[in-house]
Amino acid sequence: MRPIFAALGIEDSAEIRRLASWRRPGIFACATRLANKGVAVRDLDLYRPLFSPWEARPISSGSTIQFARIRWSVPSVAGYCSILMRHALSLPGDFAEFGVFRGGTALLAAEVLRKRTMQGAAFVRQFRGMPATSAGEPFAKGDFAQTSEAAVRALVLPTGANANFHAGFIPDTFQGLDILRLAFAHIDVDLYQSVLDSIEFVYPRLVPGGILVFDDYGFPSCTRAREATDKAFTGRREKPIYLPTGQAMVIKLP
């Protein structure tokens, strides 16, 4: 129990004994009740309701603001991506994103990889909108075409990251794509078949400890993307870990 109070910045022994008598105090419940009683709680404004450090400062060089503007997203999505990317920096292998749209996540990856010559990033996107969709998908062929390779290049390349762009429909664009090892991959393709094809390309190249993030897993518009993800990992040891942002992640086991 004492580490909970230490994390909240409370060190007075008498106060700890009194508060510890509460039934199952939990971090958020404890922080809220403490604040209501006038006790100083470290970083209370960042508990929304749980600790959310991205609410206080940009993730990297102001890219969170640009990410949110490009992706119509919230800072927590960028926050999880950035943290997982930084973890992957310690692994041998490159970064890759499948489904770039306007380049929000690509910008995050490029900034994380800034000035690193041993790791590069590959961005795969058709830049002509979606391919043909299947039953149960609330999209149509050509959706999300309001982007261009030139615009994403202009956003990403000034970071100095070793970035490569591959335009074309999945899985056709995988032909000749020279990626041997991946430390981090981000799949944001919305569609059942595109998710399956992307996983089949990424998984054998993902190094042990490598991270695979699914952007669409928890969104009601992309239930077939979740279906594809679950199907792909039915026979594998790894299982998707759902995040409260709607994302999911898989960590490659040794």
C-alpha atoms as a PDB file:
ATOM      1  CA  MET A   1       0.000   0.000   0.000  1.00  0.00           C
ATOM      2  CA  ARG A   2       2.800   2.425   0.841  1.00  0.00           C
ATOM      3  CA  PRO A   3       4.048   2.668  -2.810  1.00  0.00           C
ATOM      4  CA  ILE A   4       0.596   3.948  -3.826  1.00  0.00           C
ATOM      5  CA  PHE A   5       0.844   6.869  -1.447  1.00  0.00           C
ATOM      6  CA  ALA A   6       4.484   7.476  -2.360  1.00  0.00           C
ATOM      7  CA  ALA A   7       3.449   7.715  -6.011  1.00  0.00           C
ATOM      8  CA  LEU A   8       0.933  10.361  -4.959  1.00  0.00           C
ATOM      9  CA  GLY A   9       3.571  12.363  -3.144  1.00  0.00           C
ATOM     10  CA  ILE A  10       2.280  11.554   0.373  1.00  0.00           C
ATOM     11  CA  GLU A  11       4.985  10.717   2.884  1.00  0.00           C
ATOM     12  CA  ASP A  12       3.447  11.594   6.262  1.00  0.00           C
ATOM     13  CA  SER A  13       3.131   8.311   8.210  1.00  0.00           C
ATOM     14  CA  ALA A  14       0.060   9.333  10.177  1.00  0.00           C
ATOM     15  CA  GLU A  15      -1.732  10.419   7.007  1.00  0.00           C
ATOM     16  CA  ILE A  16      -0.778   7.171   5.298  1.00  0.00           C
ATOM     17  CA  ARG A  17      -2.158   5.094   8.188  1.00  0.00           C
ATOM     18  CA  ARG A  18      -5.399   7.057   8.154  1.00  0.00           C
ATOM     19  CA  LEU A  19      -5.869   6.819   4.393  1.00  0.00           C
ATOM     20  CA  ALA A  20      -4.852   3.154   4.319  1.00  0.00           C
ATOM     21  CA  SER A  21      -7.868   2.371   6.477  1.00  0.00           C
ATOM     22  CA  TRP A  22     -10.108   3.201   3.514  1.00  0.00           C
ATOM     23  CA  ARG A  23     -11.402   0.153   1.745  1.00  0.00           C
ATOM     24  CA  ARG A  24      -9.502  -0.718  -1.471  1.00  0.00           C
ATOM     25  CA  PRO A  25      -8.292   2.797  -2.232  1.00  0.00           C
ATOM     26  CA  GLY A  26      -7.014   2.393  -5.864  1.00  0.00           C
ATOM     27  CA  ILE A  27      -4.878   5.122  -7.451  1.00  0.00           C
ATOM     28  CA  PHE A  28      -7.664   7.171  -9.057  1.00  0.00           C
ATOM     29  CA  ALA A  29     -10.141   6.793  -6.217  1.00  0.00           C
ATOM     30  CA  CYS A  30      -7.383   7.616  -3.767  1.00  0.00           C
ATOM     31  CA  ALA A  31      -6.178  10.642  -5.739  1.00  0.00           C
ATOM     32  CA  THR A  32      -9.699  12.000  -6.105  1.00  0.00           C
ATOM     33  CA  ARG A  33     -10.619  11.580  -2.448  1.00  0.00           C
ATOM     34  CA  LEU A  34      -7.308  13.028  -1.354  1.00  0.00           C
ATOM     35  CA  ALA A  35      -7.759  16.087  -3.547  1.00  0.00           C
ATOM     36  CA  ASN A  36     -11.270  16.579  -2.201  1.00  0.00           C
ATOM     37  CA  LYS A  37      -9.815  16.611   1.299  1.00  0.00           C
ATOM     38  CA  GLY A  38      -7.293  19.274   0.325  1.00  0.00           C
ATOM     39  CA  VAL A  39      -4.279  16.940   0.273  1.00  0.00           C
ATOM     40  CA  ALA A  40      -1.713  17.818  -2.390  1.00  0.00           C
ATOM     41  CA  VAL A  41      -1.610  15.140  -5.099  1.00  0.00           C
ATOM     42  CA  ARG A  42       1.315  15.133  -7.493  1.00  0.00           C
ATOM     43  CA  ASP A  43       0.244  15.879 -11.106  1.00  0.00           C
ATOM     44  CA  LEU A  44      -3.449  15.615 -10.210  1.00  0.00           C
ATOM     45  CA  ASP A  45      -4.470  17.454 -13.383  1.00  0.00           C
ATOM     46  CA  LEU A  46      -2.947  14.653 -15.473  1.00  0.00           C
ATOM     47  CA  TYR A  47      -5.218  11.955 -14.028  1.00  0.00           C
ATOM     48  CA  ARG A  48      -8.011  11.943 -16.670  1.00  0.00           C
ATOM     49  CA  PRO A  49      -9.036   9.679 -14.996  1.00  0.00           C
ATOM     50  CA  LEU A  50      -5.704   7.798 -15.184  1.00  0.00           C
ATOM     51  CA  PHE A  51      -2.215   9.259 -15.600  1.00  0.00           C
ATOM     52  CA  SER A  52      -2.018  10.860 -19.071  1.00  0.00           C
ATOM     53  CA  PRO A  53       1.339  12.631 -19.441  1.00  0.00           C
ATOM     54  CA  TRP A  54       0.675  13.547 -23.091  1.00  0.00           C
ATOM     55  CA  GLU A  55      -1.950  16.020 -21.867  1.00  0.00           C
ATOM     56  CA  ALA A  56       0.802  18.165 -20.368  1.00  0.00           C
ATOM     57  CA  ARG A  57       3.523  18.305 -23.016  1.00  0.00           C
ATOM     58  CA  PRO A  58       4.138  17.376 -26.649  1.00  0.00           C
ATOM     59  CA  ILE A  59       5.394  13.863 -27.267  1.00  0.00           C
ATOM     60  CA  SER A  60       8.265  14.934 -29.491  1.00  0.00           C
ATOM     61  CA  SER A  61       9.100  18.297 -31.024  1.00  0.00           C
ATOM     62  CA  GLY A  62       5.494  19.403 -31.174  1.00  0.00           C
ATOM     63  CA  SER A  63       4.522  16.511 -33.428  1.00  0.00           C
ATOM     64  CA  THR A  64       1.524  15.584 -31.264  1.00  0.00           C
ATOM     65  CA  ILE A  65      -0.289  18.753 -32.311  1.00  0.00           C
ATOM     66  CA  GLN A  66       0.399  18.068 -35.974  1.00  0.00           C
ATOM     67  CA  PHE A  67      -0.591  14.426 -35.521  1.00  0.00           C
ATOM     68  CA  ALA A  68      -3.945  15.428 -34.031  1.00  0.00           C
ATOM     69  CA  ARG A  69      -4.585  17.947 -36.779  1.00  0.00           C
ATOM     70  CA  ILE A  70      -3.770  15.422 -39.503  1.00  0.00           C
ATOM     71  CA  ARG A  71      -5.493  12.396 -37.972  1.00  0.00           C
ATOM     72  CA  TRP A  72      -8.493  14.070 -36.282  1.00  0.00           C
ATOM     73  CA  SER A  73      -7.284  12.151 -33.256  1.00  0.00           C
ATOM     74  CA  VAL A  74      -6.568  12.745 -29.583  1.00  0.00           C
ATOM     75  CA  PRO A  75      -3.139  13.127 -28.024  1.00  0.00           C
ATOM     76  CA  SER A  76      -3.365   9.741 -26.274  1.00  0.00           C
ATOM     77  CA  VAL A  77      -3.245   7.898 -29.623  1.00  0.00           C
ATOM     78  CA  ALA A  78      -0.046   9.717 -30.522  1.00  0.00           C
ATOM     79  CA  GLY A  79       1.211   9.143 -26.989  1.00  0.00           C
ATOM     80  CA  TYR A  80       0.930   5.365 -27.140  1.00  0.00           C
ATOM     81  CA  CYS A  81       2.482   5.268 -30.614  1.00  0.00           C
ATOM     82  CA  SER A  82       5.413   7.424 -29.595  1.00  0.00           C
ATOM     83  CA  ILE A  83       6.140   5.439 -26.423  1.00  0.00           C
ATOM     84  CA  LEU A  84       6.018   2.122 -28.291  1.00  0.00           C
ATOM     85  CA  MET A  85       8.202   3.462 -31.087  1.00  0.00           C
ATOM     86  CA  ARG A  86      10.812   4.631 -28.591  1.00  0.00           C
ATOM     87  CA  HIS A  87      10.790   1.196 -26.999  1.00  0.00           C
ATOM     88  CA  ALA A  88      11.430  -0.323 -30.432  1.00  0.00           C
ATOM     89  CA  LEU A  89      14.507   1.863 -30.947  1.00  0.00           C
ATOM     90  CA  SER A  90      16.475  -0.593 -28.824  1.00  0.00           C
ATOM     91  CA  LEU A  91      15.666  -3.468 -31.200  1.00  0.00           C
ATOM     92  CA  PRO A  92      17.396  -4.418 -34.437  1.00  0.00           C
ATOM     93  CA  GLY A  93      15.156  -3.675 -37.374  1.00  0.00           C
ATOM     94  CA  ASP A  94      13.332  -0.946 -39.260  1.00  0.00           C
ATOM     95  CA  PHE A  95       9.955   0.722 -38.826  1.00  0.00           C
ATOM     96  CA  ALA A  96       7.052   0.379 -41.260  1.00  0.00           C
ATOM     97  CA  GLU A  97       3.566   1.764 -41.606  1.00  0.00           C
ATOM     98  CA  PHE A  98       0.821   0.315 -43.777  1.00  0.00           C
ATOM     99  CA  GLY A  99      -1.911   2.850 -44.536  1.00  0.00           C
ATOM    100  CA  VAL A 100      -0.314   6.284 -44.234  1.00  0.00           C
ATOM    101  CA  PHE A 101      -3.220   8.554 -45.238  1.00  0.00           C
ATOM    102  CA  ARG A 102      -2.056  12.135 -44.508  1.00  0.00           C
ATOM    103  CA  GLY A 103       1.099  11.164 -42.641  1.00  0.00           C
ATOM    104  CA  GLY A 104       0.349  11.745 -38.958  1.00  0.00           C
ATOM    105  CA  THR A 105       1.861   8.506 -37.661  1.00  0.00           C
ATOM    106  CA  ALA A 106       4.553   8.679 -40.335  1.00  0.00           C
ATOM    107  CA  LEU A 107       5.612  12.022 -38.891  1.00  0.00           C
ATOM    108  CA  LEU A 108       5.838  10.532 -35.402  1.00  0.00           C
ATOM    109  CA  ALA A 109       7.952   7.631 -36.673  1.00  0.00           C
ATOM    110  CA  ALA A 110      10.222   9.973 -38.615  1.00  0.00           C
ATOM    111  CA  GLU A 111      10.800  12.170 -35.585  1.00  0.00           C
ATOM    112  CA  VAL A 112      11.561   9.167 -33.377  1.00  0.00           C
ATOM    113  CA  LEU A 113      14.046   7.948 -36.009  1.00  0.00           C
ATOM    114  CA  ARG A 114      15.526  11.404 -36.606  1.00  0.00           C
ATOM    115  CA  LYS A 115      19.281  11.231 -37.353  1.00  0.00           C
ATOM    116  CA  ARG A 116      19.438   7.458 -36.806  1.00  0.00           C
ATOM    117  CA  THR A 117      21.348   5.991 -39.738  1.00  0.00           C
ATOM    118  CA  MET A 118      21.027   2.328 -38.726  1.00  0.00           C
ATOM    119  CA  GLN A 119      17.219   2.262 -38.743  1.00  0.00           C
ATOM    120  CA  GLY A 120      14.857   3.389 -41.460  1.00  0.00           C
ATOM    121  CA  ALA A 121      11.129   3.656 -42.058  1.00  0.00           C
ATOM    122  CA  ALA A 122       9.021   2.365 -44.927  1.00  0.00           C
ATOM    123  CA  PHE A 123       5.620   3.901 -45.590  1.00  0.00           C
ATOM    124  CA  VAL A 124       3.180   1.905 -47.707  1.00  0.00           C
ATOM    125  CA  ARG A 125       0.114   3.645 -49.106  1.00  0.00           C
ATOM    126  CA  GLN A 126      -1.815   3.556 -52.371  1.00  0.00           C
ATOM    127  CA  PHE A 127      -2.592   7.335 -52.352  1.00  0.00           C
ATOM    128  CA  ARG A 128      -5.625   6.607 -54.572  1.00  0.00           C
ATOM    129  CA  GLY A 129      -8.151   5.820 -51.901  1.00  0.00           C
ATOM    130  CA  MET A 130      -9.310   2.433 -50.706  1.00  0.00           C
ATOM    131  CA  PRO A 131      -9.397  -0.683 -52.875  1.00  0.00           C
ATOM    132  CA  ALA A 132     -12.628  -2.640 -53.265  1.00  0.00           C
ATOM    133  CA  THR A 133     -14.279  -3.334 -49.908  1.00  0.00           C
ATOM    134  CA  SER A 134     -16.110  -6.431 -48.679  1.00  0.00           C
ATOM    135  CA  ALA A 135     -19.437  -7.102 -46.979  1.00  0.00           C
ATOM    136  CA  GLY A 136     -19.855  -5.492 -43.562  1.00  0.00           C
ATOM    137  CA  GLU A 137     -17.396  -2.675 -44.202  1.00  0.00           C
ATOM    138  CA  PRO A 138     -18.911   0.841 -44.168  1.00  0.00           C
ATOM    139  CA  PHE A 139     -16.472   2.115 -46.784  1.00  0.00           C
ATOM    140  CA  ALA A 140     -16.422   2.341 -50.560  1.00  0.00           C
ATOM    141  CA  LYS A 141     -13.716   2.012 -53.151  1.00  0.00           C
ATOM    142  CA  GLY A 142     -11.862   5.316 -53.396  1.00  0.00           C
ATOM    143  CA  ASP A 143     -12.566   6.499 -49.845  1.00  0.00           C
ATOM    144  CA  PHE A 144      -9.699   8.379 -48.106  1.00  0.00           C
ATOM    145  CA  ALA A 145      -8.255   9.593 -51.396  1.00  0.00           C
ATOM    146  CA  GLN A 146      -7.875  13.169 -50.121  1.00  0.00           C
ATOM    147  CA  THR A 147      -4.101  12.843 -49.723  1.00  0.00           C
ATOM    148  CA  SER A 148      -0.991  12.595 -51.895  1.00  0.00           C
ATOM    149  CA  GLU A 149       2.460  11.104 -51.735  1.00  0.00           C
ATOM    150  CA  ALA A 150       3.954  14.559 -52.337  1.00  0.00           C
ATOM    151  CA  ALA A 151       2.135  16.017 -49.323  1.00  0.00           C
ATOM    152  CA  VAL A 152       3.271  13.209 -47.010  1.00  0.00           C
ATOM    153  CA  ARG A 153       6.842  13.456 -48.284  1.00  0.00           C
ATOM    154  CA  ALA A 154       6.811  17.193 -47.589  1.00  0.00           C
ATOM    155  CA  LEU A 155       5.682  16.478 -44.033  1.00  0.00           C
ATOM    156  CA  VAL A 156       8.106  13.647 -43.258  1.00  0.00           C
ATOM    157  CA  LEU A 157      11.353  14.275 -45.129  1.00  0.00           C
ATOM    158  CA  PRO A 158      12.337  17.523 -43.330  1.00  0.00           C
ATOM    159  CA  THR A 159      12.879  15.439 -40.172  1.00  0.00           C
ATOM    160  CA  GLY A 160      15.981  13.903 -41.754  1.00  0.00           C
ATOM    161  CA  ALA A 161      14.791  10.352 -41.101  1.00  0.00           C
ATOM    162  CA  ASN A 162      15.815   7.573 -43.471  1.00  0.00           C
ATOM    163  CA  ALA A 163      12.342   7.250 -44.989  1.00  0.00           C
ATOM    164  CA  ASN A 164      11.163   5.353 -48.069  1.00  0.00           C
ATOM    165  CA  PHE A 165       7.738   5.529 -49.693  1.00  0.00           C
ATOM    166  CA  HIS A 166       6.012   2.712 -51.544  1.00  0.00           C
ATOM    167  CA  ALA A 167       2.825   3.578 -53.416  1.00  0.00           C
ATOM    168  CA  GLY A 168       0.402   0.865 -54.432  1.00  0.00           C
ATOM    169  CA  PHE A 169      -2.406  -1.383 -53.259  1.00  0.00           C
ATOM    170  CA  ILE A 170      -1.788  -4.038 -50.609  1.00  0.00           C
ATOM    171  CA  PRO A 171      -0.643  -6.789 -51.175  1.00  0.00           C
ATOM    172  CA  ASP A 172       0.651  -5.951 -54.675  1.00  0.00           C
ATOM    173  CA  THR A 173       3.021  -3.310 -53.318  1.00  0.00           C
ATOM    174  CA  PHE A 174       4.774  -5.942 -51.179  1.00  0.00           C
ATOM    175  CA  GLN A 175       6.390  -7.360 -54.291  1.00  0.00           C
ATOM    176  CA  GLY A 176      10.017  -6.256 -54.223  1.00  0.00           C
ATOM    177  CA  LEU A 177       9.650  -4.492 -50.875  1.00  0.00           C
ATOM    178  CA  ASP A 178      13.089  -5.072 -49.393  1.00  0.00           C
ATOM    179  CA  ILE A 179      12.440  -5.247 -45.647  1.00  0.00           C
ATOM    180  CA  LEU A 180      14.270  -8.004 -43.809  1.00  0.00           C
ATOM    181  CA  ARG A 181      13.681  -7.125 -40.149  1.00  0.00           C
ATOM    182  CA  LEU A 182      11.091  -4.959 -38.431  1.00  0.00           C
ATOM    183  CA  ALA A 183      11.256  -3.568 -34.907  1.00  0.00           C
ATOM    184  CA  PHE A 184       7.973  -1.673 -35.170  1.00  0.00           C
ATOM    185  CA  ALA A 185       5.034  -1.781 -37.560  1.00  0.00           C
ATOM    186  CA  HIS A 186       1.807   0.216 -37.634  1.00  0.00           C
ATOM    187  CA  ILE A 187      -1.196  -1.149 -39.530  1.00  0.00           C
ATOM    188  CA  ASP A 188      -3.924   1.367 -40.348  1.00  0.00           C
ATOM    189  CA  VAL A 189      -5.703  -0.020 -43.390  1.00  0.00           C
ATOM    190  CA  ASP A 190      -9.286  -0.391 -42.056  1.00  0.00           C
ATOM    191  CA  LEU A 191     -10.261  -3.323 -44.294  1.00  0.00           C
ATOM    192  CA  TYR A 192     -10.435  -7.033 -43.476  1.00  0.00           C
ATOM    193  CA  GLN A 193      -8.341  -8.347 -46.359  1.00  0.00           C
ATOM    194  CA  SER A 194      -5.784  -5.540 -46.211  1.00  0.00           C
ATOM    195  CA  VAL A 195      -5.255  -6.170 -42.491  1.00  0.00           C
ATOM    196  CA  LEU A 196      -4.770  -9.903 -43.082  1.00  0.00           C
ATOM    197  CA  ASP A 197      -2.328  -9.306 -45.936  1.00  0.00           C
ATOM    198  CA  SER A 198      -0.365  -6.760 -43.885  1.00  0.00           C
ATOM    199  CA  ILE A 199      -0.052  -9.133 -40.919  1.00  0.00           C
ATOM    200  CA  GLU A 200       1.141 -11.955 -43.164  1.00  0.00           C
ATOM    201  CA  PHE A 201       3.846  -9.661 -44.507  1.00  0.00           C
ATOM    202  CA  VAL A 202       4.886  -8.150 -41.160  1.00  0.00           C
ATOM    203  CA  TYR A 203       4.801 -11.081 -38.738  1.00  0.00           C
ATOM    204  CA  PRO A 204       7.674 -13.191 -40.135  1.00  0.00           C
ATOM    205  CA  ARG A 205       9.842 -10.062 -40.364  1.00  0.00           C
ATOM    206  CA  LEU A 206       9.071  -8.801 -36.854  1.00  0.00           C
ATOM    207  CA  VAL A 207      12.032  -9.407 -34.543  1.00  0.00           C
ATOM    208  CA  PRO A 208      11.532 -10.916 -31.058  1.00  0.00           C
ATOM    209  CA  GLY A 209      10.258  -8.122 -28.839  1.00  0.00           C
ATOM    210  CA  GLY A 210       9.119  -6.177 -31.908  1.00  0.00           C
ATOM    211  CA  ILE A 211       5.831  -4.307 -31.697  1.00  0.00           C
ATOM    212  CA  LEU A 212       2.908  -4.408 -34.090  1.00  0.00           C
ATOM    213  CA  VAL A 213       0.225  -1.732 -33.538  1.00  0.00           C
ATOM    214  CA  PHE A 214      -3.273  -1.868 -35.027  1.00  0.00           C
ATOM    215  CA  ASP A 215      -4.839   1.557 -35.305  1.00  0.00           C
ATOM    216  CA  ASP A 216      -8.404   0.452 -36.112  1.00  0.00           C
ATOM    217  CA  TYR A 217      -8.949  -2.479 -33.752  1.00  0.00           C
ATOM    218  CA  GLY A 218     -11.467  -0.956 -31.346  1.00  0.00           C
ATOM    219  CA  PHE A 219     -13.469   1.347 -33.597  1.00  0.00           C
ATOM    220  CA  PRO A 220     -17.087   0.468 -34.501  1.00  0.00           C
ATOM    221  CA  SER A 221     -16.473   1.415 -38.131  1.00  0.00           C
ATOM    222  CA  CYS A 222     -13.707  -1.196 -38.384  1.00  0.00           C
ATOM    223  CA  THR A 223     -15.102  -4.337 -36.785  1.00  0.00           C
ATOM    224  CA  ARG A 224     -13.894  -6.378 -39.754  1.00  0.00           C
ATOM    225  CA  ALA A 225     -10.359  -5.086 -39.170  1.00  0.00           C
ATOM    226  CA  ARG A 226     -10.626  -6.455 -35.623  1.00  0.00           C
ATOM    227  CA  GLU A 227     -12.019  -9.710 -37.015  1.00  0.00           C
ATOM    228  CA  ALA A 228      -9.018 -10.022 -39.339  1.00  0.00           C
ATOM    229  CA  THR A 229      -6.563  -9.316 -36.517  1.00  0.00           C
ATOM    230  CA  ASP A 230      -8.136 -11.894 -34.219  1.00  0.00           C
ATOM    231  CA  LYS A 231      -8.199 -14.481 -37.012  1.00  0.00           C
ATOM    232  CA  ALA A 232      -4.531 -13.905 -37.870  1.00  0.00           C
ATOM    233  CA  PHE A 233      -3.446 -14.577 -34.288  1.00  0.00           C
ATOM    234  CA  THR A 234      -5.770 -17.494 -33.551  1.00  0.00           C
ATOM    235  CA  GLY A 235      -3.021 -20.010 -34.234  1.00  0.00           C
ATOM    236  CA  ARG A 236      -0.128 -17.925 -32.939  1.00  0.00           C
ATOM    237  CA  ARG A 237       1.229 -17.616 -29.419  1.00  0.00           C
ATOM    238  CA  GLU A 238       0.852 -13.839 -29.367  1.00  0.00           C
ATOM    239  CA  LYS A 239      -2.561 -12.290 -28.763  1.00  0.00           C
ATOM    240  CA  PRO A 240      -3.707  -8.712 -29.443  1.00  0.00           C
ATOM    241  CA  ILE A 241      -3.550  -6.476 -26.385  1.00  0.00           C
ATOM    242  CA  TYR A 242      -6.386  -3.964 -26.509  1.00  0.00           C
ATOM    243  CA  LEU A 243      -5.625  -0.350 -25.565  1.00  0.00           C
ATOM    244  CA  PRO A 244      -8.229   2.143 -24.261  1.00  0.00           C
ATOM    245  CA  THR A 245      -7.566   4.414 -27.248  1.00  0.00           C
ATOM    246  CA  GLY A 246      -9.103   1.933 -29.702  1.00  0.00           C
ATOM    247  CA  GLN A 247      -5.687   0.692 -30.751  1.00  0.00           C
ATOM    248  CA  ALA A 248      -4.355  -2.805 -30.138  1.00  0.00           C
ATOM    249  CA  MET A 249      -0.810  -4.102 -30.036  1.00  0.00           C
ATOM    250  CA  VAL A 250       1.075  -7.370 -30.362  1.00  0.00           C
ATOM    251  CA  ILE A 251       4.569  -7.992 -28.977  1.00  0.00           C
ATOM    252  CA  LYS A 252       6.469 -10.686 -30.875  1.00  0.00           C
ATOM    253  CA  LEU A 253       7.544 -13.508 -28.569  1.00  0.00           C
ATOM    254  CA  PRO A 254      11.007 -15.085 -28.846  1.00  0.00           C
END
